[in-house]
PDB file of all heavy atoms in Angstrom:
ATOM      1  N   LYS A   1     -14.935-135.186 166.202  1.00  0.00           N
ATOM      2  CA  LYS A   1     -14.230-134.490 167.297  1.00  0.00           C
ATOM      3  C   LYS A   1     -15.015-133.273 167.799  1.00  0.00           C
ATOM      4  O   LYS A   1     -15.300-133.160 168.991  1.00  0.00           O
ATOM      5  CB  LYS A   1     -12.834-134.054 166.831  1.00  0.00           C
ATOM      6  CG  LYS A   1     -11.961-133.486 167.936  1.00  0.00           C
ATOM      7  CD  LYS A   1     -10.556-133.196 167.429  1.00  0.00           C
ATOM      8  CE  LYS A   1      -9.626-132.790 168.561  1.00  0.00           C
ATOM      9  NZ  LYS A   1     -10.014-131.537 169.188  1.00  0.00           N
ATOM     10  N   ALA A   2     -15.377-132.371 166.921  1.00  0.00           N
ATOM     11  CA  ALA A   2     -16.080-131.126 167.342  1.00  0.00           C
ATOM     12  C   ALA A   2     -17.457-131.479 167.908  1.00  0.00           C
ATOM     13  O   ALA A   2     -17.890-130.821 168.855  1.00  0.00           O
ATOM     14  CB  ALA A   2     -16.173-130.166 166.158  1.00  0.00           C
ATOM     15  N   ILE A   3     -18.097-132.465 167.326  1.00  0.00           N
ATOM     16  CA  ILE A   3     -19.442-132.872 167.815  1.00  0.00           C
ATOM     17  C   ILE A   3     -19.360-133.387 169.264  1.00  0.00           C
ATOM     18  O   ILE A   3     -20.104-132.940 170.120  1.00  0.00           O
ATOM     19  CB  ILE A   3     -20.066-133.949 166.882  1.00  0.00           C
ATOM     20  CG1 ILE A   3     -20.035-133.478 165.422  1.00  0.00           C
ATOM     21  CG2 ILE A   3     -21.463-134.266 167.395  1.00  0.00           C
ATOM     22  CD1 ILE A   3     -20.836-132.218 165.167  1.00  0.00           C
ATOM     23  N   ILE A   4     -18.427-134.266 169.484  1.00  0.00           N
ATOM     24  CA  ILE A   4     -18.295-134.871 170.824  1.00  0.00           C
ATOM     25  C   ILE A   4     -17.826-133.827 171.846  1.00  0.00           C
ATOM     26  O   ILE A   4     -18.345-133.799 172.965  1.00  0.00           O
ATOM     27  CB  ILE A   4     -17.321-136.066 170.817  1.00  0.00           C
ATOM     28  CG1 ILE A   4     -17.801-137.118 169.798  1.00  0.00           C
ATOM     29  CG2 ILE A   4     -17.207-136.653 172.182  1.00  0.00           C
ATOM     30  CD1 ILE A   4     -19.199-137.604 170.000  1.00  0.00           C
ATOM     31  N   GLU A   5     -16.918-132.964 171.462  1.00  0.00           N
ATOM     32  CA  GLU A   5     -16.450-131.930 172.372  1.00  0.00           C
ATOM     33  C   GLU A   5     -17.589-131.007 172.757  1.00  0.00           C
ATOM     34  O   GLU A   5     -17.760-130.660 173.951  1.00  0.00           O
ATOM     35  CB  GLU A   5     -15.328-131.101 171.734  1.00  0.00           C
ATOM     36  CG  GLU A   5     -14.009-131.838 171.632  1.00  0.00           C
ATOM     37  CD  GLU A   5     -12.931-131.025 170.896  1.00  0.00           C
ATOM     38  OE1 GLU A   5     -13.275-129.902 170.403  1.00  0.00           O
ATOM     39  OE2 GLU A   5     -11.786-131.460 170.841  1.00  0.00           O
ATOM     40  N   GLY A   6     -18.440-130.623 171.786  1.00  0.00           N
ATOM     41  CA  GLY A   6     -19.565-129.776 172.097  1.00  0.00           C
ATOM     42  C   GLY A   6     -20.624-130.485 172.961  1.00  0.00           C
ATOM     43  O   GLY A   6     -21.195-129.869 173.858  1.00  0.00           O
ATOM     44  N   VAL A   7     -20.856-131.749 172.671  1.00  0.00           N
ATOM     45  CA  VAL A   7     -21.780-132.516 173.445  1.00  0.00           C
ATOM     46  C   VAL A   7     -21.307-132.647 174.895  1.00  0.00           C
ATOM     47  O   VAL A   7     -22.087-132.477 175.859  1.00  0.00           O
ATOM     48  CB  VAL A   7     -21.980-133.952 172.846  1.00  0.00           C
ATOM     49  CG1 VAL A   7     -22.637-134.906 173.832  1.00  0.00           C
ATOM     50  CG2 VAL A   7     -22.807-133.866 171.551  1.00  0.00           C
ATOM     51  N   GLU A   8     -20.007-132.884 175.099  1.00  0.00           N
ATOM     52  CA  GLU A   8     -19.495-132.989 176.468  1.00  0.00           C
ATOM     53  C   GLU A   8     -19.599-131.650 177.210  1.00  0.00           C
ATOM     54  O   GLU A   8     -19.878-131.625 178.402  1.00  0.00           O
ATOM     55  CB  GLU A   8     -18.052-133.524 176.410  1.00  0.00           C
ATOM     56  CG  GLU A   8     -17.946-134.963 175.995  1.00  0.00           C
ATOM     57  CD  GLU A   8     -16.639-135.616 176.402  1.00  0.00           C
ATOM     58  OE1 GLU A   8     -16.565-136.033 177.580  1.00  0.00           O
ATOM     59  OE2 GLU A   8     -15.690-135.659 175.602  1.00  0.00           O
ATOM     60  N   GLU A   9     -19.342-130.549 176.527  1.00  0.00           N
ATOM     61  CA  GLU A   9     -19.496-129.240 177.151  1.00  0.00           C
ATOM     62  C   GLU A   9     -20.960-129.057 177.590  1.00  0.00           C
ATOM     63  O   GLU A   9     -21.225-128.551 178.675  1.00  0.00           O
ATOM     64  CB  GLU A   9     -19.084-128.159 176.212  1.00  0.00           C
ATOM     65  CG  GLU A   9     -17.552-128.087 175.964  1.00  0.00           C
ATOM     66  CD  GLU A   9     -17.160-126.948 175.044  1.00  0.00           C
ATOM     67  OE1 GLU A   9     -17.955-125.988 174.924  1.00  0.00           O
ATOM     68  OE2 GLU A   9     -16.077-127.001 174.468  1.00  0.00           O
ATOM     69  N   ALA A  10     -21.911-129.386 176.720  1.00  0.00           N
ATOM     70  CA  ALA A  10     -23.318-129.226 177.035  1.00  0.00           C
ATOM     71  C   ALA A  10     -23.723-130.184 178.159  1.00  0.00           C
ATOM     72  O   ALA A  10     -24.510-129.828 179.058  1.00  0.00           O
ATOM     73  CB  ALA A  10     -24.173-129.518 175.790  1.00  0.00           C
ATOM     74  N   ARG A  11     -23.228-131.412 178.126  1.00  0.00           N
ATOM     75  CA  ARG A  11     -23.506-132.406 179.164  1.00  0.00           C
ATOM     76  C   ARG A  11     -23.085-131.856 180.561  1.00  0.00           C
ATOM     77  O   ARG A  11     -23.776-132.021 181.559  1.00  0.00           O
ATOM     78  CB  ARG A  11     -22.768-133.684 178.827  1.00  0.00           C
ATOM     79  CG  ARG A  11     -23.065-134.891 179.736  1.00  0.00           C
ATOM     80  CD  ARG A  11     -21.963-135.189 180.767  1.00  0.00           C
ATOM     81  NE  ARG A  11     -20.640-134.800 180.453  1.00  0.00           N
ATOM     82  CZ  ARG A  11     -19.710-135.568 179.844  1.00  0.00           C
ATOM     83  NH1 ARG A  11     -20.038-136.824 179.473  1.00  0.00           N
ATOM     84  NH2 ARG A  11     -18.489-135.140 179.650  1.00  0.00           N
ATOM     85  N   ASP A  12     -21.883-131.235 180.561  1.00  0.00           N
ATOM     86  CA  ASP A  12     -21.382-130.738 181.850  1.00  0.00           C
ATOM     87  C   ASP A  12     -22.177-129.502 182.337  1.00  0.00           C
ATOM     88  O   ASP A  12     -22.227-129.255 183.563  1.00  0.00           O
ATOM     89  CB  ASP A  12     -19.911-130.346 181.672  1.00  0.00           C
ATOM     90  CG  ASP A  12     -19.014-131.552 181.408  1.00  0.00           C
ATOM     91  OD1 ASP A  12     -19.465-132.695 181.684  1.00  0.00           O
ATOM     92  OD2 ASP A  12     -17.888-131.377 180.923  1.00  0.00           O
ATOM     93  N   LEU A  13     -22.808-128.797 181.425  1.00  0.00           N
ATOM     94  CA  LEU A  13     -23.594-127.633 181.775  1.00  0.00           C
ATOM     95  C   LEU A  13     -25.001-128.026 182.275  1.00  0.00           C
ATOM     96  O   LEU A  13     -25.577-127.366 183.141  1.00  0.00           O
ATOM     97  CB  LEU A  13     -23.774-126.682 180.567  1.00  0.00           C
ATOM     98  CG  LEU A  13     -22.668-125.697 180.307  1.00  0.00           C
ATOM     99  CD1 LEU A  13     -22.976-124.907 179.008  1.00  0.00           C
ATOM    100  CD2 LEU A  13     -22.510-124.685 181.443  1.00  0.00           C
ATOM    101  N   TYR A  14     -25.577-129.069 181.661  1.00  0.00           N
ATOM    102  CA  TYR A  14     -26.974-129.421 181.930  1.00  0.00           C
ATOM    103  C   TYR A  14     -27.107-130.825 182.440  1.00  0.00           C
ATOM    104  O   TYR A  14     -27.112-131.795 181.669  1.00  0.00           O
ATOM    105  CB  TYR A  14     -27.770-129.253 180.593  1.00  0.00           C
ATOM    106  CG  TYR A  14     -27.631-127.895 179.965  1.00  0.00           C
ATOM    107  CD1 TYR A  14     -27.041-127.753 178.710  1.00  0.00           C
ATOM    108  CD2 TYR A  14     -28.091-126.752 180.625  1.00  0.00           C
ATOM    109  CE1 TYR A  14     -26.928-126.477 178.123  1.00  0.00           C
ATOM    110  CE2 TYR A  14     -27.949-125.505 180.023  1.00  0.00           C
ATOM    111  CZ  TYR A  14     -27.383-125.379 178.784  1.00  0.00           C
ATOM    112  OH  TYR A  14     -27.301-124.136 178.212  1.00  0.00           O
ATOM    113  N   PRO A  15     -27.282-130.975 183.755  1.00  0.00           N
ATOM    114  CA  PRO A  15     -27.439-132.306 184.355  1.00  0.00           C
ATOM    115  C   PRO A  15     -28.673-133.073 183.905  1.00  0.00           C
ATOM    116  O   PRO A  15     -28.759-134.281 184.103  1.00  0.00           O
ATOM    117  CB  PRO A  15     -27.476-132.010 185.875  1.00  0.00           C
ATOM    118  CG  PRO A  15     -26.919-130.640 186.007  1.00  0.00           C
ATOM    119  CD  PRO A  15     -27.291-129.917 184.758  1.00  0.00           C
ATOM    120  N   ASP A  16     -29.667-132.349 183.323  1.00  0.00           N
ATOM    121  CA  ASP A  16     -30.927-133.008 182.927  1.00  0.00           C
ATOM    122  C   ASP A  16     -30.867-133.554 181.491  1.00  0.00           C
ATOM    123  O   ASP A  16     -31.898-134.045 180.992  1.00  0.00           O
ATOM    124  CB  ASP A  16     -32.110-132.032 183.067  1.00  0.00           C
ATOM    125  CG  ASP A  16     -31.886-130.710 182.316  1.00  0.00           C
ATOM    126  OD1 ASP A  16     -30.814-130.546 181.700  1.00  0.00           O
ATOM    127  OD2 ASP A  16     -32.791-129.876 182.350  1.00  0.00           O
ATOM    128  N   LEU A  17     -29.700-133.511 180.856  1.00  0.00           N
ATOM    129  CA  LEU A  17     -29.602-134.022 179.498  1.00  0.00           C
ATOM    130  C   LEU A  17     -28.791-135.310 179.418  1.00  0.00           C
ATOM    131  O   LEU A  17     -27.787-135.481 180.123  1.00  0.00           O
ATOM    132  CB  LEU A  17     -28.936-133.017 178.583  1.00  0.00           C
ATOM    133  CG  LEU A  17     -29.690-131.705 178.266  1.00  0.00           C
ATOM    134  CD1 LEU A  17     -28.883-130.843 177.318  1.00  0.00           C
ATOM    135  CD2 LEU A  17     -31.054-132.024 177.667  1.00  0.00           C
ATOM    136  N   THR A  18     -29.226-136.245 178.590  1.00  0.00           N
ATOM    137  CA  THR A  18     -28.428-137.423 178.219  1.00  0.00           C
ATOM    138  C   THR A  18     -28.335-137.472 176.686  1.00  0.00           C
ATOM    139  O   THR A  18     -29.170-136.890 175.994  1.00  0.00           O
ATOM    140  CB  THR A  18     -29.067-138.722 178.740  1.00  0.00           C
ATOM    141  OG1 THR A  18     -30.361-138.887 178.157  1.00  0.00           O
ATOM    142  CG2 THR A  18     -29.158-138.691 180.252  1.00  0.00           C
ATOM    143  N   PHE A  19     -27.372-138.210 176.187  1.00  0.00           N
ATOM    144  CA  PHE A  19     -27.105-138.214 174.757  1.00  0.00           C
ATOM    145  C   PHE A  19     -26.875-139.613 174.232  1.00  0.00           C
ATOM    146  O   PHE A  19     -26.140-140.394 174.835  1.00  0.00           O
ATOM    147  CB  PHE A  19     -25.870-137.366 174.428  1.00  0.00           C
ATOM    148  CG  PHE A  19     -26.009-135.918 174.861  1.00  0.00           C
ATOM    149  CD1 PHE A  19     -25.617-135.537 176.132  1.00  0.00           C
ATOM    150  CD2 PHE A  19     -26.489-134.970 173.965  1.00  0.00           C
ATOM    151  CE1 PHE A  19     -25.736-134.217 176.549  1.00  0.00           C
ATOM    152  CE2 PHE A  19     -26.624-133.632 174.404  1.00  0.00           C
ATOM    153  CZ  PHE A  19     -26.223-133.251 175.667  1.00  0.00           C
ATOM    154  N   ASP A  20     -27.502-139.913 173.108  1.00  0.00           N
ATOM    155  CA  ASP A  20     -27.185-141.125 172.344  1.00  0.00           C
ATOM    156  C   ASP A  20     -26.376-140.699 171.121  1.00  0.00           C
ATOM    157  O   ASP A  20     -26.892-139.870 170.315  1.00  0.00           O
ATOM    158  CB  ASP A  20     -28.455-141.837 171.931  1.00  0.00           C
ATOM    159  CG  ASP A  20     -29.111-142.620 173.060  1.00  0.00           C
ATOM    160  OD1 ASP A  20     -28.504-142.711 174.113  1.00  0.00           O
ATOM    161  OD2 ASP A  20     -30.248-143.118 172.867  1.00  0.00           O
ATOM    162  N   LEU A  21     -25.182-141.183 170.989  1.00  0.00           N
ATOM    163  CA  LEU A  21     -24.274-140.819 169.933  1.00  0.00           C
ATOM    164  C   LEU A  21     -24.280-141.848 168.841  1.00  0.00           C
ATOM    165  O   LEU A  21     -23.798-143.021 169.038  1.00  0.00           O
ATOM    166  CB  LEU A  21     -22.866-140.598 170.472  1.00  0.00           C
ATOM    167  CG  LEU A  21     -22.752-139.678 171.711  1.00  0.00           C
ATOM    168  CD1 LEU A  21     -21.308-139.706 172.244  1.00  0.00           C
ATOM    169  CD2 LEU A  21     -23.188-138.269 171.360  1.00  0.00           C
ATOM    170  N   TYR A  22     -24.759-141.526 167.641  1.00  0.00           N
ATOM    171  CA  TYR A  22     -24.897-142.479 166.541  1.00  0.00           C
ATOM    172  C   TYR A  22     -23.706-142.351 165.599  1.00  0.00           C
ATOM    173  O   TYR A  22     -23.400-141.260 165.123  1.00  0.00           O
ATOM    174  CB  TYR A  22     -26.207-142.259 165.786  1.00  0.00           C
ATOM    175  CG  TYR A  22     -27.398-142.651 166.587  1.00  0.00           C
ATOM    176  CD1 TYR A  22     -27.929-141.830 167.588  1.00  0.00           C
ATOM    177  CD2 TYR A  22     -28.055-143.880 166.341  1.00  0.00           C
ATOM    178  CE1 TYR A  22     -29.036-142.209 168.336  1.00  0.00           C
ATOM    179  CE2 TYR A  22     -29.167-144.261 167.088  1.00  0.00           C
ATOM    180  CZ  TYR A  22     -29.630-143.422 168.083  1.00  0.00           C
ATOM    181  OH  TYR A  22     -30.736-143.804 168.827  1.00  0.00           O
ATOM    182  N   GLY A  23     -23.048-143.493 165.330  1.00  0.00           N
ATOM    183  CA  GLY A  23     -21.939-143.474 164.397  1.00  0.00           C
ATOM    184  C   GLY A  23     -20.970-144.608 164.631  1.00  0.00           C
ATOM    185  O   GLY A  23     -21.278-145.641 165.221  1.00  0.00           O
ATOM    186  N   ASN A  24     -19.724-144.412 164.165  1.00  0.00           N
ATOM    187  CA  ASN A  24     -18.678-145.408 164.243  1.00  0.00           C
ATOM    188  C   ASN A  24     -18.112-145.420 165.665  1.00  0.00           C
ATOM    189  O   ASN A  24     -17.523-144.460 166.129  1.00  0.00           O
ATOM    190  CB  ASN A  24     -17.559-145.048 163.249  1.00  0.00           C
ATOM    191  CG  ASN A  24     -16.445-146.052 163.232  1.00  0.00           C
ATOM    192  OD1 ASN A  24     -15.911-146.443 164.251  1.00  0.00           O
ATOM    193  ND2 ASN A  24     -16.073-146.490 162.014  1.00  0.00           N
ATOM    194  N   PRO A  25     -18.293-146.529 166.412  1.00  0.00           N
ATOM    195  CA  PRO A  25     -17.895-146.550 167.809  1.00  0.00           C
ATOM    196  C   PRO A  25     -16.402-146.278 168.012  1.00  0.00           C
ATOM    197  O   PRO A  25     -16.023-145.583 168.988  1.00  0.00           O
ATOM    198  CB  PRO A  25     -18.222-147.999 168.247  1.00  0.00           C
ATOM    199  CG  PRO A  25     -19.278-148.425 167.289  1.00  0.00           C
ATOM    200  CD  PRO A  25     -18.949-147.800 165.967  1.00  0.00           C
ATOM    201  N   ASP A  26     -15.567-146.809 167.154  1.00  0.00           N
ATOM    202  CA  ASP A  26     -14.109-146.594 167.309  1.00  0.00           C
ATOM    203  C   ASP A  26     -13.738-145.109 167.205  1.00  0.00           C
ATOM    204  O   ASP A  26     -12.946-144.584 167.969  1.00  0.00           O
ATOM    205  CB  ASP A  26     -13.336-147.425 166.293  1.00  0.00           C
ATOM    206  CG  ASP A  26     -13.499-148.920 166.524  1.00  0.00           C
ATOM    207  OD1 ASP A  26     -13.720-149.317 167.692  1.00  0.00           O
ATOM    208  OD2 ASP A  26     -13.389-149.671 165.539  1.00  0.00           O
ATOM    209  N   LYS A  27     -14.324-144.454 166.216  1.00  0.00           N
ATOM    210  CA  LYS A  27     -14.015-143.022 166.028  1.00  0.00           C
ATOM    211  C   LYS A  27     -14.612-142.176 167.141  1.00  0.00           C
ATOM    212  O   LYS A  27     -13.982-141.192 167.579  1.00  0.00           O
ATOM    213  CB  LYS A  27     -14.571-142.557 164.659  1.00  0.00           C
ATOM    214  CG  LYS A  27     -13.869-143.159 163.467  1.00  0.00           C
ATOM    215  CD  LYS A  27     -14.450-142.628 162.155  1.00  0.00           C
ATOM    216  CE  LYS A  27     -13.711-143.207 160.970  1.00  0.00           C
ATOM    217  NZ  LYS A  27     -14.292-142.694 159.673  1.00  0.00           N
ATOM    218  N   ILE A  28     -15.767-142.538 167.617  1.00  0.00           N
ATOM    219  CA  ILE A  28     -16.393-141.784 168.718  1.00  0.00           C
ATOM    220  C   ILE A  28     -15.643-141.974 170.036  1.00  0.00           C
ATOM    221  O   ILE A  28     -15.340-140.994 170.718  1.00  0.00           O
ATOM    222  CB  ILE A  28     -17.871-142.212 168.885  1.00  0.00           C
ATOM    223  CG1 ILE A  28     -18.671-141.835 167.610  1.00  0.00           C
ATOM    224  CG2 ILE A  28     -18.482-141.554 170.106  1.00  0.00           C
ATOM    225  CD1 ILE A  28     -20.077-142.362 167.606  1.00  0.00           C
ATOM    226  N   LYS A  29     -15.320-143.221 170.366  1.00  0.00           N
ATOM    227  CA  LYS A  29     -14.587-143.491 171.603  1.00  0.00           C
ATOM    228  C   LYS A  29     -13.244-142.760 171.656  1.00  0.00           C
ATOM    229  O   LYS A  29     -12.806-142.344 172.729  1.00  0.00           O
ATOM    230  CB  LYS A  29     -14.374-144.991 171.769  1.00  0.00           C
ATOM    231  CG  LYS A  29     -15.639-145.767 172.106  1.00  0.00           C
ATOM    232  CD  LYS A  29     -15.330-147.250 172.186  1.00  0.00           C
ATOM    233  CE  LYS A  29     -16.602-148.086 172.440  1.00  0.00           C
ATOM    234  NZ  LYS A  29     -16.300-149.530 172.416  1.00  0.00           N
ATOM    235  N   ALA A  30     -12.614-142.622 170.487  1.00  0.00           N
ATOM    236  CA  ALA A  30     -11.296-141.998 170.462  1.00  0.00           C
ATOM    237  C   ALA A  30     -11.265-140.556 170.895  1.00  0.00           C
ATOM    238  O   ALA A  30     -10.231-140.057 171.311  1.00  0.00           O
ATOM    239  CB  ALA A  30     -10.722-142.151 169.030  1.00  0.00           C
ATOM    240  N   VAL A  31     -12.436-139.890 170.837  1.00  0.00           N
ATOM    241  CA  VAL A  31     -12.452-138.464 171.211  1.00  0.00           C
ATOM    242  C   VAL A  31     -13.249-138.153 172.476  1.00  0.00           C
ATOM    243  O   VAL A  31     -13.290-137.028 172.944  1.00  0.00           O
ATOM    244  CB  VAL A  31     -12.986-137.596 170.039  1.00  0.00           C
ATOM    245  CG1 VAL A  31     -12.006-137.623 168.889  1.00  0.00           C
ATOM    246  CG2 VAL A  31     -14.345-138.069 169.567  1.00  0.00           C
ATOM    247  N   ILE A  32     -13.906-139.176 173.049  1.00  0.00           N
ATOM    248  CA  ILE A  32     -14.626-138.982 174.298  1.00  0.00           C
ATOM    249  C   ILE A  32     -13.655-138.905 175.475  1.00  0.00           C
ATOM    250  O   ILE A  32     -12.767-139.709 175.600  1.00  0.00           O
ATOM    251  CB  ILE A  32     -15.642-140.126 174.531  1.00  0.00           C
ATOM    252  CG1 ILE A  32     -16.828-139.983 173.564  1.00  0.00           C
ATOM    253  CG2 ILE A  32     -16.192-140.033 175.980  1.00  0.00           C
ATOM    254  CD1 ILE A  32     -17.816-141.110 173.700  1.00  0.00           C
ATOM    255  N   THR A  33     -13.841-137.910 176.335  1.00  0.00           N
ATOM    256  CA  THR A  33     -12.970-137.793 177.514  1.00  0.00           C
ATOM    257  C   THR A  33     -13.683-138.307 178.762  1.00  0.00           C
ATOM    258  O   THR A  33     -13.050-138.710 179.711  1.00  0.00           O
ATOM    259  CB  THR A  33     -12.564-136.349 177.764  1.00  0.00           C
ATOM    260  OG1 THR A  33     -13.724-135.512 177.922  1.00  0.00           O
ATOM    261  CG2 THR A  33     -11.730-135.813 176.578  1.00  0.00           C
ATOM    262  N   ASN A  34     -15.031-138.277 178.762  1.00  0.00           N
ATOM    263  CA  ASN A  34     -15.833-138.739 179.911  1.00  0.00           C
ATOM    264  C   ASN A  34     -17.158-139.227 179.387  1.00  0.00           C
ATOM    265  O   ASN A  34     -17.932-138.498 178.801  1.00  0.00           O
ATOM    266  CB  ASN A  34     -16.026-137.573 180.885  1.00  0.00           C
ATOM    267  CG  ASN A  34     -16.948-137.916 182.045  1.00  0.00           C
ATOM    268  OD1 ASN A  34     -17.419-139.066 182.171  1.00  0.00           O
ATOM    269  ND2 ASN A  34     -17.213-136.929 182.881  1.00  0.00           N
ATOM    270  N   GLN A  35     -17.448-140.528 179.574  1.00  0.00           N
ATOM    271  CA  GLN A  35     -18.625-141.132 178.974  1.00  0.00           C
ATOM    272  C   GLN A  35     -19.884-140.993 179.821  1.00  0.00           C
ATOM    273  O   GLN A  35     -20.921-141.570 179.513  1.00  0.00           O
ATOM    274  CB  GLN A  35     -18.363-142.574 178.635  1.00  0.00           C
ATOM    275  CG  GLN A  35     -19.307-143.111 177.557  1.00  0.00           C
ATOM    276  CD  GLN A  35     -18.796-144.399 176.916  1.00  0.00           C
ATOM    277  OE1 GLN A  35     -17.611-144.676 176.841  1.00  0.00           O
ATOM    278  NE2 GLN A  35     -19.745-145.203 176.417  1.00  0.00           N
ATOM    279  N   ASP A  36     -19.850-140.197 180.880  1.00  0.00           N
ATOM    280  CA  ASP A  36     -21.013-139.987 181.708  1.00  0.00           C
ATOM    281  C   ASP A  36     -22.154-139.429 180.906  1.00  0.00           C
ATOM    282  O   ASP A  36     -22.034-138.461 180.223  1.00  0.00           O
ATOM    283  CB  ASP A  36     -20.628-139.006 182.831  1.00  0.00           C
ATOM    284  CG  ASP A  36     -21.801-138.795 183.797  1.00  0.00           C
ATOM    285  OD1 ASP A  36     -22.525-139.758 184.107  1.00  0.00           O
ATOM    286  OD2 ASP A  36     -22.011-137.617 184.218  1.00  0.00           O
ATOM    287  N   ARG A  37     -23.295-140.082 180.968  1.00  0.00           N
ATOM    288  CA  ARG A  37     -24.540-139.725 180.279  1.00  0.00           C
ATOM    289  C   ARG A  37     -24.410-139.679 178.747  1.00  0.00           C
ATOM    290  O   ARG A  37     -25.153-139.049 178.049  1.00  0.00           O
ATOM    291  CB  ARG A  37     -25.073-138.380 180.811  1.00  0.00           C
ATOM    292  CG  ARG A  37     -25.712-138.499 182.184  1.00  0.00           C
ATOM    293  CD  ARG A  37     -26.295-137.180 182.641  1.00  0.00           C
ATOM    294  NE  ARG A  37     -25.315-136.291 183.174  1.00  0.00           N
ATOM    295  CZ  ARG A  37     -25.165-135.037 182.804  1.00  0.00           C
ATOM    296  NH1 ARG A  37     -25.920-134.517 181.901  1.00  0.00           N
ATOM    297  NH2 ARG A  37     -24.225-134.307 183.378  1.00  0.00           N
TER     298      ARG A  37
END
């Protein structure tokens, strides 16, 4: 949860960044609010 929230905040701040999120897809998808980049 905290990892994805922080990543999304950084993603929204920096248009030049993309992220590959490694882990359990079900747990990750459950906390993502916007999958852009």
